[in-house]
Amino acid sequence: MANHAFYFVFFYDCKDGKQKGVVPESNLISYIRPIAHGPILLVKCNFLRSMTIIQNRDKRCNEVDFNRNWQDYETGFGEVHGEYWLGLKHFKDINDNNPSLQLKLYFQRWRLFFYSFNLSNDTDGYRFHFDSYINFNKNPTNMSLMSGVKSMSGQPFSTFDRDYFIHGCPNRFKGGWWYLDDSVCSKANLNGNHNDVDLEAEIHFFDDADIRHIPSEVQIRIK
């Protein structure tokens, strides 16, 4: 029997996979390797739109506990076939390959795009920065996340064991996030729990009319 050598070509991210000729499918599970000789990651890709799914929440899946420590949020957790968080470190590595990264927040039927999005490094708390954004909804939805005193821009990522501020936001919201230095914490909780009796800890967001919405699906996508 002849000997065969097998090798794999790993994409930097799902956008790289699309550029290298992957059959465009809406959603596929794929391996990526954001940095040479770095860890190989299993992620959900939308090759049709060149998007890598960084975070996935879905009420139809078995719920994953997102009330995790800093190390978990940095390296990732969950199940790629269901709910998961890819990891801030891997997010940053993908970002470093794409300085003009676009990020999309998907709240079931609400969509927001950030342009020229980037994260700072781990010692700076993976601060969230963006140059501009576009709201694809008929009415302004959660624009307070994007501009003004409640903007996420410039905020570090906090977890219950590495909280940058004094308001106890990770404990109150039961998940890590780019919280504000404010008792409000955030106008959205996308890493909380489904159906939590504590309204702050439940997955939700407030629109600009201060109406509370509870999306059953949430994704953070980058391209």
C-alpha atoms as a PDB file:
ATOM      1  CA  MET A   1       0.000   0.000   0.000  1.00  0.00           C
ATOM      2  CA  ALA A   2       1.347   3.429  -0.928  1.00  0.00           C
ATOM      3  CA  ASN A   3       2.184   5.881   1.820  1.00  0.00           C
ATOM      4  CA  HIS A   4       0.223   9.114   1.769  1.00  0.00           C
ATOM      5  CA  ALA A   5       1.169  12.368   3.478  1.00  0.00           C
ATOM      6  CA  PHE A   6      -1.742  14.427   4.739  1.00  0.00           C
ATOM      7  CA  TYR A   7      -1.623  18.130   5.494  1.00  0.00           C
ATOM      8  CA  PHE A   8      -4.110  20.878   6.174  1.00  0.00           C
ATOM      9  CA  VAL A   9      -4.252  24.504   5.080  1.00  0.00           C
ATOM     10  CA  PHE A  10      -5.607  26.593   7.940  1.00  0.00           C
ATOM     11  CA  PHE A  11      -7.294  29.929   7.380  1.00  0.00           C
ATOM     12  CA  TYR A  12      -6.468  32.995   9.448  1.00  0.00           C
ATOM     13  CA  ASP A  13     -10.202  33.515   9.839  1.00  0.00           C
ATOM     14  CA  CYS A  14     -13.409  32.862   7.895  1.00  0.00           C
ATOM     15  CA  LYS A  15     -12.826  35.843   5.589  1.00  0.00           C
ATOM     16  CA  ASP A  16      -9.477  34.337   4.618  1.00  0.00           C
ATOM     17  CA  GLY A  17     -11.267  31.045   3.933  1.00  0.00           C
ATOM     18  CA  LYS A  18     -13.712  32.773   1.604  1.00  0.00           C
ATOM     19  CA  GLN A  19     -10.834  34.436  -0.264  1.00  0.00           C
ATOM     20  CA  LYS A  20      -9.164  31.033  -0.673  1.00  0.00           C
ATOM     21  CA  GLY A  21     -12.182  29.597  -2.425  1.00  0.00           C
ATOM     22  CA  VAL A  22     -14.293  27.833   0.180  1.00  0.00           C
ATOM     23  CA  VAL A  23     -17.714  26.982  -1.208  1.00  0.00           C
ATOM     24  CA  PRO A  24     -19.931  29.831   0.020  1.00  0.00           C
ATOM     25  CA  GLU A  25     -22.301  28.424   2.598  1.00  0.00           C
ATOM     26  CA  SER A  26     -24.360  30.323   5.113  1.00  0.00           C
ATOM     27  CA  ASN A  27     -22.885  28.584   8.147  1.00  0.00           C
ATOM     28  CA  LEU A  28     -20.157  25.965   8.406  1.00  0.00           C
ATOM     29  CA  ILE A  29     -17.938  24.760  11.237  1.00  0.00           C
ATOM     30  CA  SER A  30     -14.304  25.306  10.278  1.00  0.00           C
ATOM     31  CA  TYR A  31     -10.765  25.285  11.664  1.00  0.00           C
ATOM     32  CA  ILE A  32      -8.833  28.552  11.698  1.00  0.00           C
ATOM     33  CA  ARG A  33      -5.346  29.511  12.841  1.00  0.00           C
ATOM     34  CA  PRO A  34      -5.098  33.286  13.375  1.00  0.00           C
ATOM     35  CA  ILE A  35      -1.324  33.298  13.991  1.00  0.00           C
ATOM     36  CA  ALA A  36       1.414  31.102  12.526  1.00  0.00           C
ATOM     37  CA  HIS A  37       2.266  28.184  14.832  1.00  0.00           C
ATOM     38  CA  GLY A  38      -0.520  29.335  17.155  1.00  0.00           C
ATOM     39  CA  PRO A  39      -3.471  27.295  18.424  1.00  0.00           C
ATOM     40  CA  ILE A  40      -5.913  25.778  15.929  1.00  0.00           C
ATOM     41  CA  LEU A  41      -9.457  26.914  16.687  1.00  0.00           C
ATOM     42  CA  LEU A  42     -12.825  25.448  15.792  1.00  0.00           C
ATOM     43  CA  VAL A  43     -15.296  28.206  14.897  1.00  0.00           C
ATOM     44  CA  LYS A  44     -18.592  28.813  13.186  1.00  0.00           C
ATOM     45  CA  CYS A  45     -18.115  30.606   9.865  1.00  0.00           C
ATOM     46  CA  ASN A  46     -20.487  32.395   7.565  1.00  0.00           C
ATOM     47  CA  PHE A  47     -18.397  32.021   4.411  1.00  0.00           C
ATOM     48  CA  LEU A  48     -21.075  33.633   2.265  1.00  0.00           C
ATOM     49  CA  ARG A  49     -20.539  36.930   4.112  1.00  0.00           C
ATOM     50  CA  SER A  50     -16.885  36.269   5.097  1.00  0.00           C
ATOM     51  CA  MET A  51     -17.766  36.411   8.787  1.00  0.00           C
ATOM     52  CA  THR A  52     -16.193  34.702  11.803  1.00  0.00           C
ATOM     53  CA  ILE A  53     -18.611  34.154  14.703  1.00  0.00           C
ATOM     54  CA  ILE A  54     -16.936  35.331  17.914  1.00  0.00           C
ATOM     55  CA  GLN A  55     -19.906  34.840  20.221  1.00  0.00           C
ATOM     56  CA  ASN A  56     -23.096  32.816  19.778  1.00  0.00           C
ATOM     57  CA  ARG A  57     -26.121  32.784  22.076  1.00  0.00           C
ATOM     58  CA  ASP A  58     -29.254  30.876  21.149  1.00  0.00           C
ATOM     59  CA  LYS A  59     -32.189  30.048  23.381  1.00  0.00           C
ATOM     60  CA  ARG A  60     -32.802  26.838  21.408  1.00  0.00           C
ATOM     61  CA  CYS A  61     -29.412  25.430  22.454  1.00  0.00           C
ATOM     62  CA  ASN A  62     -28.297  24.037  25.789  1.00  0.00           C
ATOM     63  CA  GLU A  63     -27.399  27.115  27.806  1.00  0.00           C
ATOM     64  CA  VAL A  64     -23.720  27.731  28.557  1.00  0.00           C
ATOM     65  CA  ASP A  65     -22.763  29.603  31.714  1.00  0.00           C
ATOM     66  CA  PHE A  66     -21.167  32.908  30.634  1.00  0.00           C
ATOM     67  CA  ASN A  67     -20.434  34.030  34.201  1.00  0.00           C
ATOM     68  CA  ARG A  68     -16.754  33.092  33.784  1.00  0.00           C
ATOM     69  CA  ASN A  69     -13.406  34.319  35.035  1.00  0.00           C
ATOM     70  CA  TRP A  70     -10.861  36.346  33.096  1.00  0.00           C
ATOM     71  CA  GLN A  71      -8.872  33.328  31.907  1.00  0.00           C
ATOM     72  CA  ASP A  72     -11.972  31.705  30.391  1.00  0.00           C
ATOM     73  CA  TYR A  73     -12.974  34.879  28.591  1.00  0.00           C
ATOM     74  CA  GLU A  74      -9.428  35.297  27.314  1.00  0.00           C
ATOM     75  CA  THR A  75      -9.010  31.748  25.955  1.00  0.00           C
ATOM     76  CA  GLY A  76     -12.641  30.885  25.120  1.00  0.00           C
ATOM     77  CA  PHE A  77     -15.321  28.447  26.258  1.00  0.00           C
ATOM     78  CA  GLY A  78     -18.536  26.722  25.240  1.00  0.00           C
ATOM     79  CA  GLU A  79     -19.511  24.487  22.322  1.00  0.00           C
ATOM     80  CA  VAL A  80     -19.110  25.635  18.725  1.00  0.00           C
ATOM     81  CA  HIS A  81     -22.251  23.697  17.728  1.00  0.00           C
ATOM     82  CA  GLY A  82     -24.198  25.705  20.299  1.00  0.00           C
ATOM     83  CA  GLU A  83     -23.377  28.616  22.579  1.00  0.00           C
ATOM     84  CA  TYR A  84     -19.753  29.740  22.799  1.00  0.00           C
ATOM     85  CA  TRP A  85     -17.253  32.557  23.244  1.00  0.00           C
ATOM     86  CA  LEU A  86     -14.160  32.302  21.027  1.00  0.00           C
ATOM     87  CA  GLY A  87     -11.830  34.144  23.407  1.00  0.00           C
ATOM     88  CA  LEU A  88     -10.466  37.683  23.658  1.00  0.00           C
ATOM     89  CA  LYS A  89      -6.924  36.559  22.845  1.00  0.00           C
ATOM     90  CA  HIS A  90      -8.053  34.894  19.605  1.00  0.00           C
ATOM     91  CA  PHE A  91     -10.326  37.832  18.834  1.00  0.00           C
ATOM     92  CA  LYS A  92      -7.299  40.122  19.191  1.00  0.00           C
ATOM     93  CA  ASP A  93      -5.139  37.861  16.967  1.00  0.00           C
ATOM     94  CA  ILE A  94      -7.775  37.973  14.209  1.00  0.00           C
ATOM     95  CA  ASN A  95      -8.008  41.736  14.662  1.00  0.00           C
ATOM     96  CA  ASP A  96      -4.229  42.111  14.272  1.00  0.00           C
ATOM     97  CA  ASN A  97      -4.486  40.373  10.876  1.00  0.00           C
ATOM     98  CA  ASN A  98      -7.242  42.799   9.839  1.00  0.00           C
ATOM     99  CA  PRO A  99      -6.557  46.370  11.040  1.00  0.00           C
ATOM    100  CA  SER A 100      -9.760  47.617   9.346  1.00  0.00           C
ATOM    101  CA  LEU A 101     -11.914  44.918  10.907  1.00  0.00           C
ATOM    102  CA  GLN A 102     -15.698  45.211  10.784  1.00  0.00           C
ATOM    103  CA  LEU A 103     -17.761  43.977  13.713  1.00  0.00           C
ATOM    104  CA  LYS A 104     -21.462  43.197  13.604  1.00  0.00           C
ATOM    105  CA  LEU A 105     -23.759  42.934  16.606  1.00  0.00           C
ATOM    106  CA  TYR A 106     -26.761  40.807  15.750  1.00  0.00           C
ATOM    107  CA  PHE A 107     -29.732  40.899  18.129  1.00  0.00           C
ATOM    108  CA  GLN A 108     -32.130  38.534  16.370  1.00  0.00           C
ATOM    109  CA  ARG A 109     -33.698  41.137  14.035  1.00  0.00           C
ATOM    110  CA  TRP A 110     -31.623  44.183  15.011  1.00  0.00           C
ATOM    111  CA  ARG A 111     -28.231  44.739  13.390  1.00  0.00           C
ATOM    112  CA  LEU A 112     -25.388  47.163  14.058  1.00  0.00           C
ATOM    113  CA  PHE A 113     -22.068  47.416  12.180  1.00  0.00           C
ATOM    114  CA  PHE A 114     -18.849  48.881  13.605  1.00  0.00           C
ATOM    115  CA  TYR A 115     -16.204  49.963  11.093  1.00  0.00           C
ATOM    116  CA  SER A 116     -12.432  50.062  11.724  1.00  0.00           C
ATOM    117  CA  PHE A 117     -13.027  48.172  14.937  1.00  0.00           C
ATOM    118  CA  ASN A 118     -10.093  47.107  17.088  1.00  0.00           C
ATOM    119  CA  LEU A 119      -9.151  45.734  20.488  1.00  0.00           C
ATOM    120  CA  SER A 120      -6.209  46.849  22.605  1.00  0.00           C
ATOM    121  CA  ASN A 121      -3.878  44.253  24.135  1.00  0.00           C
ATOM    122  CA  ASP A 122      -4.423  42.161  27.247  1.00  0.00           C
ATOM    123  CA  THR A 123      -2.467  44.448  29.582  1.00  0.00           C
ATOM    124  CA  ASP A 124      -4.780  47.290  28.551  1.00  0.00           C
ATOM    125  CA  GLY A 125      -7.890  45.164  29.146  1.00  0.00           C
ATOM    126  CA  TYR A 126      -8.793  44.481  25.499  1.00  0.00           C
ATOM    127  CA  ARG A 127     -10.385  47.894  25.198  1.00  0.00           C
ATOM    128  CA  PHE A 128     -13.122  48.255  22.596  1.00  0.00           C
ATOM    129  CA  HIS A 129     -12.499  50.945  19.929  1.00  0.00           C
ATOM    130  CA  PHE A 130     -14.211  51.838  16.675  1.00  0.00           C
ATOM    131  CA  ASP A 131     -14.137  54.709  14.185  1.00  0.00           C
ATOM    132  CA  SER A 132     -17.734  54.648  12.976  1.00  0.00           C
ATOM    133  CA  TYR A 133     -20.903  52.585  12.972  1.00  0.00           C
ATOM    134  CA  ILE A 134     -24.031  52.031  10.886  1.00  0.00           C
ATOM    135  CA  ASN A 135     -27.462  51.166  12.224  1.00  0.00           C
ATOM    136  CA  PHE A 136     -29.408  48.938   9.802  1.00  0.00           C
ATOM    137  CA  ASN A 137     -32.709  49.251  11.634  1.00  0.00           C
ATOM    138  CA  LYS A 138     -35.669  51.430  10.691  1.00  0.00           C
ATOM    139  CA  ASN A 139     -35.526  53.228  14.000  1.00  0.00           C
ATOM    140  CA  PRO A 140     -32.408  54.062  16.038  1.00  0.00           C
ATOM    141  CA  THR A 141     -31.753  51.034  18.222  1.00  0.00           C
ATOM    142  CA  ASN A 142     -29.303  51.084  21.087  1.00  0.00           C
ATOM    143  CA  MET A 143     -27.410  54.005  19.607  1.00  0.00           C
ATOM    144  CA  SER A 144     -26.421  54.857  23.170  1.00  0.00           C
ATOM    145  CA  LEU A 145     -24.011  51.907  22.983  1.00  0.00           C
ATOM    146  CA  MET A 146     -22.251  53.653  20.135  1.00  0.00           C
ATOM    147  CA  SER A 147     -22.066  57.338  21.051  1.00  0.00           C
ATOM    148  CA  GLY A 148     -22.419  59.762  23.940  1.00  0.00           C
ATOM    149  CA  VAL A 149     -21.680  59.163  27.605  1.00  0.00           C
ATOM    150  CA  LYS A 150     -22.860  55.525  27.495  1.00  0.00           C
ATOM    151  CA  SER A 151     -20.693  54.548  24.519  1.00  0.00           C
ATOM    152  CA  MET A 152     -18.762  51.281  24.719  1.00  0.00           C
ATOM    153  CA  SER A 153     -15.851  52.833  22.826  1.00  0.00           C
ATOM    154  CA  GLY A 154     -12.679  52.938  24.911  1.00  0.00           C
ATOM    155  CA  GLN A 155     -14.034  50.662  27.638  1.00  0.00           C
ATOM    156  CA  PRO A 156     -11.966  47.726  28.969  1.00  0.00           C
ATOM    157  CA  PHE A 157     -13.370  44.214  29.258  1.00  0.00           C
ATOM    158  CA  SER A 158     -14.324  43.239  32.816  1.00  0.00           C
ATOM    159  CA  THR A 159     -15.044  39.920  34.527  1.00  0.00           C
ATOM    160  CA  PHE A 160     -15.967  39.168  38.134  1.00  0.00           C
ATOM    161  CA  ASP A 161     -12.307  38.477  39.020  1.00  0.00           C
ATOM    162  CA  ARG A 162     -10.858  41.369  36.978  1.00  0.00           C
ATOM    163  CA  ASP A 163     -13.267  44.260  37.276  1.00  0.00           C
ATOM    164  CA  TYR A 164     -11.843  47.591  36.163  1.00  0.00           C
ATOM    165  CA  PHE A 165     -14.473  49.670  37.936  1.00  0.00           C
ATOM    166  CA  ILE A 166     -16.231  49.845  41.290  1.00  0.00           C
ATOM    167  CA  HIS A 167     -19.853  49.240  40.274  1.00  0.00           C
ATOM    168  CA  GLY A 168     -19.838  45.425  40.407  1.00  0.00           C
ATOM    169  CA  CYS A 169     -21.141  45.120  36.845  1.00  0.00           C
ATOM    170  CA  PRO A 170     -19.859  41.585  36.048  1.00  0.00           C
ATOM    171  CA  ASN A 171     -21.485  40.223  39.209  1.00  0.00           C
ATOM    172  CA  ARG A 172     -24.718  42.085  38.600  1.00  0.00           C
ATOM    173  CA  PHE A 173     -24.946  41.162  34.903  1.00  0.00           C
ATOM    174  CA  LYS A 174     -23.531  37.637  35.452  1.00  0.00           C
ATOM    175  CA  GLY A 175     -21.102  37.821  32.556  1.00  0.00           C
ATOM    176  CA  GLY A 176     -18.036  39.571  31.170  1.00  0.00           C
ATOM    177  CA  TRP A 177     -18.388  42.624  28.938  1.00  0.00           C
ATOM    178  CA  TRP A 178     -17.038  46.063  28.004  1.00  0.00           C
ATOM    179  CA  TYR A 179     -18.823  47.752  30.900  1.00  0.00           C
ATOM    180  CA  LEU A 180     -18.988  51.478  31.569  1.00  0.00           C
ATOM    181  CA  ASP A 181     -17.473  53.264  34.539  1.00  0.00           C
ATOM    182  CA  ASP A 182     -21.028  54.016  35.591  1.00  0.00           C
ATOM    183  CA  SER A 183     -23.658  52.442  37.851  1.00  0.00           C
ATOM    184  CA  VAL A 184     -25.757  51.773  34.717  1.00  0.00           C
ATOM    185  CA  CYS A 185     -22.989  49.342  33.606  1.00  0.00           C
ATOM    186  CA  SER A 186     -24.369  48.917  30.075  1.00  0.00           C
ATOM    187  CA  LYS A 187     -27.473  49.456  27.979  1.00  0.00           C
ATOM    188  CA  ALA A 188     -27.186  45.813  26.903  1.00  0.00           C
ATOM    189  CA  ASN A 189     -26.341  42.456  28.440  1.00  0.00           C
ATOM    190  CA  LEU A 190     -25.408  39.973  25.717  1.00  0.00           C
ATOM    191  CA  ASN A 191     -23.429  37.595  27.945  1.00  0.00           C
ATOM    192  CA  GLY A 192     -26.029  37.144  30.670  1.00  0.00           C
ATOM    193  CA  ASN A 193     -28.495  34.312  31.226  1.00  0.00           C
ATOM    194  CA  HIS A 194     -31.622  33.259  29.376  1.00  0.00           C
ATOM    195  CA  ASN A 195     -34.766  33.652  31.506  1.00  0.00           C
ATOM    196  CA  ASP A 196     -33.035  34.957  34.613  1.00  0.00           C
ATOM    197  CA  VAL A 197     -35.350  36.279  37.332  1.00  0.00           C
ATOM    198  CA  ASP A 198     -32.849  39.089  37.868  1.00  0.00           C
ATOM    199  CA  LEU A 199     -33.643  41.566  35.095  1.00  0.00           C
ATOM    200  CA  GLU A 200     -30.073  42.908  34.955  1.00  0.00           C
ATOM    201  CA  ALA A 201     -28.646  39.399  34.590  1.00  0.00           C
ATOM    202  CA  GLU A 202     -31.032  38.356  31.800  1.00  0.00           C
ATOM    203  CA  ILE A 203     -29.915  38.736  28.170  1.00  0.00           C
ATOM    204  CA  HIS A 204     -31.451  42.023  27.043  1.00  0.00           C
ATOM    205  CA  PHE A 205     -30.864  45.449  25.579  1.00  0.00           C
ATOM    206  CA  PHE A 206     -32.586  48.820  25.816  1.00  0.00           C
ATOM    207  CA  ASP A 207     -33.341  50.826  22.705  1.00  0.00           C
ATOM    208  CA  ASP A 208     -33.172  54.609  22.598  1.00  0.00           C
ATOM    209  CA  ALA A 209     -36.795  54.883  23.671  1.00  0.00           C
ATOM    210  CA  ASP A 210     -35.698  52.969  26.788  1.00  0.00           C
ATOM    211  CA  ILE A 211     -37.792  49.965  25.768  1.00  0.00           C
ATOM    212  CA  ARG A 212     -36.337  46.672  26.986  1.00  0.00           C
ATOM    213  CA  HIS A 213     -35.904  43.857  24.431  1.00  0.00           C
ATOM    214  CA  ILE A 214     -35.075  40.198  25.126  1.00  0.00           C
ATOM    215  CA  PRO A 215     -33.555  38.621  21.997  1.00  0.00           C
ATOM    216  CA  SER A 216     -33.584  34.826  21.812  1.00  0.00           C
ATOM    217  CA  GLU A 217     -30.516  34.881  19.518  1.00  0.00           C
ATOM    218  CA  VAL A 218     -27.377  37.004  19.783  1.00  0.00           C
ATOM    219  CA  GLN A 219     -24.157  36.906  17.767  1.00  0.00           C
ATOM    220  CA  ILE A 220     -20.962  38.909  17.526  1.00  0.00           C
ATOM    221  CA  ARG A 221     -19.544  38.563  14.008  1.00  0.00           C
ATOM    222  CA  ILE A 222     -16.381  39.998  12.463  1.00  0.00           C
ATOM    223  CA  LYS A 223     -15.098  40.301   8.895  1.00  0.00           C
END
